PDB file of all heavy atoms in Angstrom:
ATOM      1  N   GLN A   1       0.836  -1.204   0.008  1.00  0.00           N
ATOM      2  CA  GLN A   1      -0.002  -0.001   0.009  1.00  0.00           C
ATOM      3  C   GLN A   1       0.884   1.256   0.007  1.00  0.00           C
ATOM      4  O   GLN A   1       0.588   2.223  -0.698  1.00  0.00           O
ATOM      5  CB  GLN A   1      -0.909   0.012   1.241  1.00  0.00           C
ATOM      6  CG  GLN A   1      -1.830   1.200   1.286  1.00  0.00           C
ATOM      7  CD  GLN A   1      -2.750   1.161   2.527  1.00  0.00           C
ATOM      8  OE1 GLN A   1      -2.871   0.129   3.221  1.00  0.00           O
ATOM      9  NE2 GLN A   1      -3.432   2.308   2.765  1.00  0.00           N
ATOM     10  N   PHE A   2       1.948   1.231   0.794  1.00  0.00           N
ATOM     11  CA  PHE A   2       2.811   2.390   0.848  1.00  0.00           C
ATOM     12  C   PHE A   2       3.524   2.627  -0.495  1.00  0.00           C
ATOM     13  O   PHE A   2       3.690   3.766  -0.918  1.00  0.00           O
ATOM     14  CB  PHE A   2       3.820   2.240   1.985  1.00  0.00           C
ATOM     15  CG  PHE A   2       4.796   3.388   2.058  1.00  0.00           C
ATOM     16  CD1 PHE A   2       4.379   4.650   2.503  1.00  0.00           C
ATOM     17  CD2 PHE A   2       6.131   3.207   1.689  1.00  0.00           C
ATOM     18  CE1 PHE A   2       5.282   5.701   2.555  1.00  0.00           C
ATOM     19  CE2 PHE A   2       7.014   4.266   1.722  1.00  0.00           C
ATOM     20  CZ  PHE A   2       6.594   5.547   2.191  1.00  0.00           C
ATOM     21  N   ASN A   3       3.949   1.509  -1.123  1.00  0.00           N
ATOM     22  CA  ASN A   3       4.584   1.634  -2.409  1.00  0.00           C
ATOM     23  C   ASN A   3       3.628   2.251  -3.437  1.00  0.00           C
ATOM     24  O   ASN A   3       4.028   3.082  -4.320  1.00  0.00           O
ATOM     25  CB  ASN A   3       5.124   0.271  -2.889  1.00  0.00           C
ATOM     26  CG  ASN A   3       6.307  -0.206  -2.090  1.00  0.00           C
ATOM     27  OD1 ASN A   3       7.053   0.612  -1.492  1.00  0.00           O
ATOM     28  ND2 ASN A   3       6.517  -1.511  -1.980  1.00  0.00           N
ATOM     29  N   ASP A   4       2.368   1.789  -3.447  1.00  0.00           N
ATOM     30  CA  ASP A   4       1.376   2.356  -4.371  1.00  0.00           C
ATOM     31  C   ASP A   4       1.198   3.865  -4.113  1.00  0.00           C
ATOM     32  O   ASP A   4       1.070   4.691  -5.030  1.00  0.00           O
ATOM     33  CB  ASP A   4       0.044   1.607  -4.232  1.00  0.00           C
ATOM     34  CG  ASP A   4       0.125   0.176  -4.735  1.00  0.00           C
ATOM     35  OD1 ASP A   4       1.082  -0.092  -5.517  1.00  0.00           O
ATOM     36  OD2 ASP A   4      -0.759  -0.619  -4.352  1.00  0.00           O
ATOM     37  N   THR A   5       1.146   4.200  -2.816  1.00  0.00           N
ATOM     38  CA  THR A   5       0.986   5.638  -2.481  1.00  0.00           C
ATOM     39  C   THR A   5       2.157   6.455  -2.980  1.00  0.00           C
ATOM     40  O   THR A   5       2.019   7.563  -3.518  1.00  0.00           O
ATOM     41  CB  THR A   5       0.801   5.784  -0.959  1.00  0.00           C
ATOM     42  OG1 THR A   5      -0.337   5.038  -0.534  1.00  0.00           O
ATOM     43  CG2 THR A   5       0.671   7.251  -0.578  1.00  0.00           C
ATOM     44  N   ARG A   6       3.411   5.905  -2.760  1.00  0.00           N
ATOM     45  CA  ARG A   6       4.600   6.637  -3.207  1.00  0.00           C
ATOM     46  C   ARG A   6       4.604   6.761  -4.723  1.00  0.00           C
ATOM     47  O   ARG A   6       4.946   7.842  -5.286  1.00  0.00           O
ATOM     48  CB  ARG A   6       5.841   5.912  -2.676  1.00  0.00           C
ATOM     49  CG  ARG A   6       7.128   6.616  -3.034  1.00  0.00           C
ATOM     50  CD  ARG A   6       8.286   5.780  -2.538  1.00  0.00           C
ATOM     51  NE  ARG A   6       8.242   4.438  -3.160  1.00  0.00           N
ATOM     52  CZ  ARG A   6       9.039   3.435  -2.793  1.00  0.00           C
ATOM     53  NH1 ARG A   6       9.889   3.574  -1.755  1.00  0.00           N
ATOM     54  NH2 ARG A   6       8.929   2.250  -3.375  1.00  0.00           N
ATOM     55  N   ASP A   7       4.284   5.695  -5.431  1.00  0.00           N
ATOM     56  CA  ASP A   7       4.292   5.747  -6.903  1.00  0.00           C
ATOM     57  C   ASP A   7       3.278   6.755  -7.436  1.00  0.00           C
ATOM     58  O   ASP A   7       3.532   7.500  -8.374  1.00  0.00           O
ATOM     59  CB  ASP A   7       3.993   4.345  -7.482  1.00  0.00           C
ATOM     60  CG  ASP A   7       5.142   3.351  -7.197  1.00  0.00           C
ATOM     61  OD1 ASP A   7       6.262   3.821  -6.920  1.00  0.00           O
ATOM     62  OD2 ASP A   7       4.893   2.157  -7.283  1.00  0.00           O
ATOM     63  N   ASN A   8       2.136   6.811  -6.836  1.00  0.00           N
ATOM     64  CA  ASN A   8       1.091   7.762  -7.243  1.00  0.00           C
ATOM     65  C   ASN A   8       1.575   9.209  -7.036  1.00  0.00           C
ATOM     66  O   ASN A   8       1.342  10.109  -7.850  1.00  0.00           O
ATOM     67  CB  ASN A   8      -0.200   7.495  -6.486  1.00  0.00           C
ATOM     68  CG  ASN A   8      -1.301   8.425  -6.905  1.00  0.00           C
ATOM     69  OD1 ASN A   8      -1.606   8.543  -8.104  1.00  0.00           O
ATOM     70  ND2 ASN A   8      -1.957   9.080  -5.949  1.00  0.00           N
ATOM     71  N   TYR A   9       2.282   9.416  -5.847  1.00  0.00           N
ATOM     72  CA  TYR A   9       2.757  10.737  -5.571  1.00  0.00           C
ATOM     73  C   TYR A   9       3.786  11.190  -6.629  1.00  0.00           C
ATOM     74  O   TYR A   9       3.774  12.328  -7.129  1.00  0.00           O
ATOM     75  CB  TYR A   9       3.343  10.734  -4.187  1.00  0.00           C
ATOM     76  CG  TYR A   9       4.060  12.038  -3.789  1.00  0.00           C
ATOM     77  CD1 TYR A   9       3.396  13.253  -3.923  1.00  0.00           C
ATOM     78  CD2 TYR A   9       5.356  12.013  -3.295  1.00  0.00           C
ATOM     79  CE1 TYR A   9       4.028  14.427  -3.537  1.00  0.00           C
ATOM     80  CE2 TYR A   9       5.998  13.186  -2.929  1.00  0.00           C
ATOM     81  CZ  TYR A   9       5.348  14.409  -3.088  1.00  0.00           C
ATOM     82  OH  TYR A   9       5.954  15.589  -2.753  1.00  0.00           O
ATOM     83  N   LEU A  10       4.720  10.269  -6.965  1.00  0.00           N
ATOM     84  CA  LEU A  10       5.710  10.584  -8.006  1.00  0.00           C
ATOM     85  C   LEU A  10       5.081  10.820  -9.373  1.00  0.00           C
ATOM     86  O   LEU A  10       5.467  11.703 -10.130  1.00  0.00           O
ATOM     87  CB  LEU A  10       6.765   9.468  -8.064  1.00  0.00           C
ATOM     88  CG  LEU A  10       7.637   9.279  -6.810  1.00  0.00           C
ATOM     89  CD1 LEU A  10       8.541   8.053  -6.970  1.00  0.00           C
ATOM     90  CD2 LEU A  10       8.434  10.518  -6.503  1.00  0.00           C
ATOM     91  N   TYR A  11       4.098  10.005  -9.676  1.00  0.00           N
ATOM     92  CA  TYR A  11       3.360  10.178 -10.967  1.00  0.00           C
ATOM     93  C   TYR A  11       2.684  11.548 -11.052  1.00  0.00           C
ATOM     94  O   TYR A  11       2.750  12.223 -12.084  1.00  0.00           O
ATOM     95  CB  TYR A  11       2.355   9.049 -11.114  1.00  0.00           C
ATOM     96  CG  TYR A  11       1.352   9.318 -12.208  1.00  0.00           C
ATOM     97  CD1 TYR A  11       1.687   9.202 -13.579  1.00  0.00           C
ATOM     98  CD2 TYR A  11       0.021   9.662 -11.881  1.00  0.00           C
ATOM     99  CE1 TYR A  11       0.750   9.455 -14.563  1.00  0.00           C
ATOM    100  CE2 TYR A  11      -0.898   9.935 -12.888  1.00  0.00           C
ATOM    101  CZ  TYR A  11      -0.545   9.821 -14.207  1.00  0.00           C
ATOM    102  OH  TYR A  11      -1.461  10.104 -15.193  1.00  0.00           O
ATOM    103  N   GLN A  12       2.049  11.917  -9.976  1.00  0.00           N
ATOM    104  CA  GLN A  12       1.336  13.212  -9.996  1.00  0.00           C
ATOM    105  C   GLN A  12       2.325  14.365 -10.143  1.00  0.00           C
ATOM    106  O   GLN A  12       2.029  15.383 -10.803  1.00  0.00           O
ATOM    107  CB  GLN A  12       0.525  13.403  -8.697  1.00  0.00           C
ATOM    108  CG  GLN A  12      -0.634  12.425  -8.538  1.00  0.00           C
ATOM    109  CD  GLN A  12      -1.662  12.540  -9.675  1.00  0.00           C
ATOM    110  OE1 GLN A  12      -1.773  13.587 -10.306  1.00  0.00           O
ATOM    111  NE2 GLN A  12      -2.412  11.462  -9.914  1.00  0.00           N
ATOM    112  N   GLN A  13       3.548  14.229  -9.563  1.00  0.00           N
ATOM    113  CA  GLN A  13       4.548  15.264  -9.765  1.00  0.00           C
ATOM    114  C   GLN A  13       4.940  15.381 -11.253  1.00  0.00           C
ATOM    115  O   GLN A  13       5.011  16.481 -11.814  1.00  0.00           O
ATOM    116  CB  GLN A  13       5.794  14.948  -8.914  1.00  0.00           C
ATOM    117  CG  GLN A  13       5.580  15.172  -7.399  1.00  0.00           C
ATOM    118  CD  GLN A  13       6.822  14.860  -6.616  1.00  0.00           C
ATOM    119  OE1 GLN A  13       7.665  14.010  -7.043  1.00  0.00           O
ATOM    120  NE2 GLN A  13       6.950  15.458  -5.414  1.00  0.00           N
ATOM    121  N   ARG A  14       5.255  14.201 -11.839  1.00  0.00           N
ATOM    122  CA  ARG A  14       5.638  14.209 -13.255  1.00  0.00           C
ATOM    123  C   ARG A  14       4.498  14.681 -14.128  1.00  0.00           C
ATOM    124  O   ARG A  14       4.717  15.393 -15.130  1.00  0.00           O
ATOM    125  CB  ARG A  14       6.132  12.812 -13.679  1.00  0.00           C
ATOM    126  CG  ARG A  14       7.462  12.407 -13.012  1.00  0.00           C
ATOM    127  CD  ARG A  14       8.037  11.191 -13.695  1.00  0.00           C
ATOM    128  NE  ARG A  14       7.154  10.025 -13.522  1.00  0.00           N
ATOM    129  CZ  ARG A  14       7.248   9.161 -12.536  1.00  0.00           C
ATOM    130  NH1 ARG A  14       8.172   9.354 -11.580  1.00  0.00           N
ATOM    131  NH2 ARG A  14       6.463   8.131 -12.437  1.00  0.00           N
ATOM    132  N   ARG A  15       3.296  14.264 -13.807  1.00  0.00           N
ATOM    133  CA  ARG A  15       2.136  14.669 -14.629  1.00  0.00           C
ATOM    134  C   ARG A  15       1.918  16.168 -14.608  1.00  0.00           C
ATOM    135  O   ARG A  15       1.666  16.833 -15.632  1.00  0.00           O
ATOM    136  CB  ARG A  15       0.896  13.950 -14.101  1.00  0.00           C
ATOM    137  CG  ARG A  15      -0.420  14.331 -14.786  1.00  0.00           C
ATOM    138  CD  ARG A  15      -1.524  13.388 -14.373  1.00  0.00           C
ATOM    139  NE  ARG A  15      -2.822  13.874 -14.841  1.00  0.00           N
ATOM    140  CZ  ARG A  15      -3.689  14.598 -14.187  1.00  0.00           C
ATOM    141  NH1 ARG A  15      -3.382  14.885 -12.871  1.00  0.00           N
ATOM    142  NH2 ARG A  15      -4.835  14.959 -14.666  1.00  0.00           N
ATOM    143  N   LEU A  16       2.051  16.779 -13.415  1.00  0.00           N
ATOM    144  CA  LEU A  16       1.894  18.251 -13.310  1.00  0.00           C
ATOM    145  C   LEU A  16       2.968  18.986 -14.082  1.00  0.00           C
ATOM    146  O   LEU A  16       2.707  19.985 -14.763  1.00  0.00           O
ATOM    147  CB  LEU A  16       1.881  18.655 -11.820  1.00  0.00           C
ATOM    148  CG  LEU A  16       1.733  20.159 -11.569  1.00  0.00           C
ATOM    149  CD1 LEU A  16       0.419  20.696 -12.143  1.00  0.00           C
ATOM    150  CD2 LEU A  16       1.828  20.468 -10.076  1.00  0.00           C
ATOM    151  N   ALA A  17       4.211  18.496 -13.995  1.00  0.00           N
ATOM    152  CA  ALA A  17       5.311  19.149 -14.727  1.00  0.00           C
ATOM    153  C   ALA A  17       5.075  19.045 -16.218  1.00  0.00           C
ATOM    154  O   ALA A  17       5.327  20.021 -16.960  1.00  0.00           O
ATOM    155  CB  ALA A  17       6.641  18.496 -14.316  1.00  0.00           C
ATOM    156  N   THR A  18       4.621  17.857 -16.646  1.00  0.00           N
ATOM    157  CA  THR A  18       4.362  17.694 -18.107  1.00  0.00           C
ATOM    158  C   THR A  18       3.240  18.606 -18.575  1.00  0.00           C
ATOM    159  O   THR A  18       3.335  19.260 -19.623  1.00  0.00           O
ATOM    160  CB  THR A  18       4.014  16.235 -18.413  1.00  0.00           C
ATOM    161  OG1 THR A  18       5.072  15.403 -17.997  1.00  0.00           O
ATOM    162  CG2 THR A  18       3.733  16.042 -19.895  1.00  0.00           C
ATOM    163  N   LEU A  19       2.168  18.732 -17.809  1.00  0.00           N
ATOM    164  CA  LEU A  19       1.070  19.617 -18.193  1.00  0.00           C
ATOM    165  C   LEU A  19       1.493  21.072 -18.234  1.00  0.00           C
ATOM    166  O   LEU A  19       1.083  21.845 -19.149  1.00  0.00           O
ATOM    167  CB  LEU A  19      -0.087  19.426 -17.198  1.00  0.00           C
ATOM    168  CG  LEU A  19      -0.878  18.122 -17.317  1.00  0.00           C
ATOM    169  CD1 LEU A  19      -1.919  18.040 -16.205  1.00  0.00           C
ATOM    170  CD2 LEU A  19      -1.557  18.028 -18.684  1.00  0.00           C
ATOM    171  N   LYS A  20       2.340  21.457 -17.305  1.00  0.00           N
ATOM    172  CA  LYS A  20       2.825  22.865 -17.304  1.00  0.00           C
ATOM    173  C   LYS A  20       3.684  23.162 -18.540  1.00  0.00           C
ATOM    174  O   LYS A  20       3.555  24.219 -19.134  1.00  0.00           O
ATOM    175  CB  LYS A  20       3.605  23.142 -16.019  1.00  0.00           C
ATOM    176  CG  LYS A  20       2.732  23.270 -14.781  1.00  0.00           C
ATOM    177  CD  LYS A  20       3.567  23.636 -13.574  1.00  0.00           C
ATOM    178  CE  LYS A  20       2.665  23.832 -12.351  1.00  0.00           C
ATOM    179  NZ  LYS A  20       3.428  24.189 -11.130  1.00  0.00           N
ATOM    180  N   ARG A  21       4.567  22.167 -18.922  1.00  0.00           N
ATOM    181  CA  ARG A  21       5.354  22.384 -20.123  1.00  0.00           C
ATOM    182  C   ARG A  21       4.455  22.447 -21.352  1.00  0.00           C
ATOM    183  O   ARG A  21       4.648  23.268 -22.254  1.00  0.00           O
ATOM    184  CB  ARG A  21       6.404  21.271 -20.273  1.00  0.00           C
ATOM    185  CG  ARG A  21       7.529  21.344 -19.255  1.00  0.00           C
ATOM    186  CD  ARG A  21       8.718  20.457 -19.702  1.00  0.00           C
ATOM    187  NE  ARG A  21       8.295  19.071 -19.805  1.00  0.00           N
ATOM    188  CZ  ARG A  21       8.357  18.195 -18.794  1.00  0.00           C
ATOM    189  NH1 ARG A  21       8.818  18.596 -17.592  1.00  0.00           N
ATOM    190  NH2 ARG A  21       7.993  16.927 -18.977  1.00  0.00           N
ATOM    191  N   SER A  22       3.480  21.561 -21.408  1.00  0.00           N
ATOM    192  CA  SER A  22       2.551  21.564 -22.542  1.00  0.00           C
ATOM    193  C   SER A  22       1.738  22.855 -22.597  1.00  0.00           C
ATOM    194  O   SER A  22       1.500  23.425 -23.656  1.00  0.00           O
ATOM    195  CB  SER A  22       1.621  20.341 -22.435  1.00  0.00           C
ATOM    196  OG  SER A  22       0.653  20.378 -23.472  1.00  0.00           O
ATOM    197  N   GLN A  23       1.313  23.325 -21.425  1.00  0.00           N
ATOM    198  CA  GLN A  23       0.544  24.564 -21.388  1.00  0.00           C
ATOM    199  C   GLN A  23       1.396  25.737 -21.857  1.00  0.00           C
ATOM    200  O   GLN A  23       0.925  26.599 -22.592  1.00  0.00           O
ATOM    201  CB  GLN A  23       0.043  24.817 -19.958  1.00  0.00           C
ATOM    202  CG  GLN A  23      -0.827  26.047 -19.879  1.00  0.00           C
ATOM    203  CD  GLN A  23      -1.081  26.482 -18.438  1.00  0.00           C
ATOM    204  OE1 GLN A  23      -0.241  26.295 -17.586  1.00  0.00           O
ATOM    205  NE2 GLN A  23      -2.287  27.014 -18.219  1.00  0.00           N
ATOM    206  N   ALA A  24       2.680  25.814 -21.448  1.00  0.00           N
ATOM    207  CA  ALA A  24       3.556  26.908 -21.877  1.00  0.00           C
ATOM    208  C   ALA A  24       3.752  26.896 -23.394  1.00  0.00           C
ATOM    209  O   ALA A  24       3.721  27.928 -24.068  1.00  0.00           O
ATOM    210  CB  ALA A  24       4.906  26.798 -21.153  1.00  0.00           C
ATOM    211  N   SER A  25       3.972  25.678 -23.953  1.00  0.00           N
ATOM    212  CA  SER A  25       4.127  25.567 -25.408  1.00  0.00           C
ATOM    213  C   SER A  25       2.875  25.976 -26.117  1.00  0.00           C
ATOM    214  O   SER A  25       2.878  26.749 -27.121  1.00  0.00           O
ATOM    215  CB  SER A  25       4.540  24.158 -25.776  1.00  0.00           C
ATOM    216  OG  SER A  25       4.637  24.020 -27.198  1.00  0.00           O
ATOM    217  N   ASP A  26       1.727  25.485 -25.638  1.00  0.00           N
ATOM    218  CA  ASP A  26       0.452  25.843 -26.260  1.00  0.00           C
ATOM    219  C   ASP A  26       0.181  27.356 -26.144  1.00  0.00           C
ATOM    220  O   ASP A  26      -0.383  27.966 -27.058  1.00  0.00           O
ATOM    221  CB  ASP A  26      -0.697  25.029 -25.610  1.00  0.00           C
ATOM    222  CG  ASP A  26      -0.629  23.570 -25.987  1.00  0.00           C
ATOM    223  OD1 ASP A  26       0.088  23.216 -26.943  1.00  0.00           O
ATOM    224  OD2 ASP A  26      -1.321  22.768 -25.289  1.00  0.00           O
ATOM    225  N   GLU A  27       0.582  27.920 -25.000  1.00  0.00           N
ATOM    226  CA  GLU A  27       0.345  29.374 -24.797  1.00  0.00           C
ATOM    227  C   GLU A  27       1.099  30.202 -25.816  1.00  0.00           C
ATOM    228  O   GLU A  27       0.579  31.152 -26.365  1.00  0.00           O
ATOM    229  CB  GLU A  27       0.759  29.723 -23.360  1.00  0.00           C
ATOM    230  CG  GLU A  27       0.486  31.166 -23.010  1.00  0.00           C
ATOM    231  CD  GLU A  27      -0.982  31.496 -22.978  1.00  0.00           C
ATOM    232  OE1 GLU A  27      -1.810  30.570 -22.767  1.00  0.00           O
ATOM    233  OE2 GLU A  27      -1.365  32.667 -23.148  1.00  0.00           O
ATOM    234  N   ARG A  28       2.369  29.764 -26.064  1.00  0.00           N
ATOM    235  CA  ARG A  28       3.129  30.494 -27.070  1.00  0.00           C
ATOM    236  C   ARG A  28       2.521  30.385 -28.461  1.00  0.00           C
ATOM    237  O   ARG A  28       2.326  31.379 -29.189  1.00  0.00           O
ATOM    238  CB  ARG A  28       4.579  29.994 -27.094  1.00  0.00           C
ATOM    239  CG  ARG A  28       5.403  30.371 -25.887  1.00  0.00           C
ATOM    240  CD  ARG A  28       6.871  30.122 -26.127  1.00  0.00           C
ATOM    241  NE  ARG A  28       7.132  28.689 -26.405  1.00  0.00           N
ATOM    242  CZ  ARG A  28       7.404  27.770 -25.515  1.00  0.00           C
ATOM    243  NH1 ARG A  28       7.462  28.151 -24.205  1.00  0.00           N
ATOM    244  NH2 ARG A  28       7.675  26.526 -25.819  1.00  0.00           N
ATOM    245  N   LEU A  29       2.144  29.189 -28.809  1.00  0.00           N
ATOM    246  CA  LEU A  29       1.547  28.998 -30.150  1.00  0.00           C
ATOM    247  C   LEU A  29       0.203  29.682 -30.254  1.00  0.00           C
ATOM    248  O   LEU A  29      -0.110  30.332 -31.247  1.00  0.00           O
ATOM    249  CB  LEU A  29       1.394  27.491 -30.430  1.00  0.00           C
ATOM    250  CG  LEU A  29       2.662  26.687 -30.555  1.00  0.00           C
ATOM    251  CD1 LEU A  29       2.360  25.176 -30.766  1.00  0.00           C
ATOM    252  CD2 LEU A  29       3.479  27.192 -31.758  1.00  0.00           C
ATOM    253  N   GLN A  30      -0.615  29.563 -29.211  1.00  0.00           N
ATOM    254  CA  GLN A  30      -1.940  30.178 -29.251  1.00  0.00           C
ATOM    255  C   GLN A  30      -1.840  31.721 -29.276  1.00  0.00           C
ATOM    256  O   GLN A  30      -2.580  32.383 -29.995  1.00  0.00           O
ATOM    257  CB  GLN A  30      -2.759  29.729 -28.001  1.00  0.00           C
ATOM    258  CG  GLN A  30      -3.155  28.249 -28.091  1.00  0.00           C
ATOM    259  CD  GLN A  30      -3.776  27.789 -26.786  1.00  0.00           C
ATOM    260  OE1 GLN A  30      -3.897  28.556 -25.837  1.00  0.00           O
ATOM    261  NE2 GLN A  30      -4.107  26.506 -26.723  1.00  0.00           N
TER     262      GLN A  30
END
C-alpha cells in the first residue's frame, strides 16, 4: 500500500510538470 501511495505521488509530480510544459508551449503557439 505504501509503495502504491509513493508511486502515485511521484506520478502526480511528473504529470503536473508535463502539463505545465505543454501549457507553456500551447500558450506561445496560441
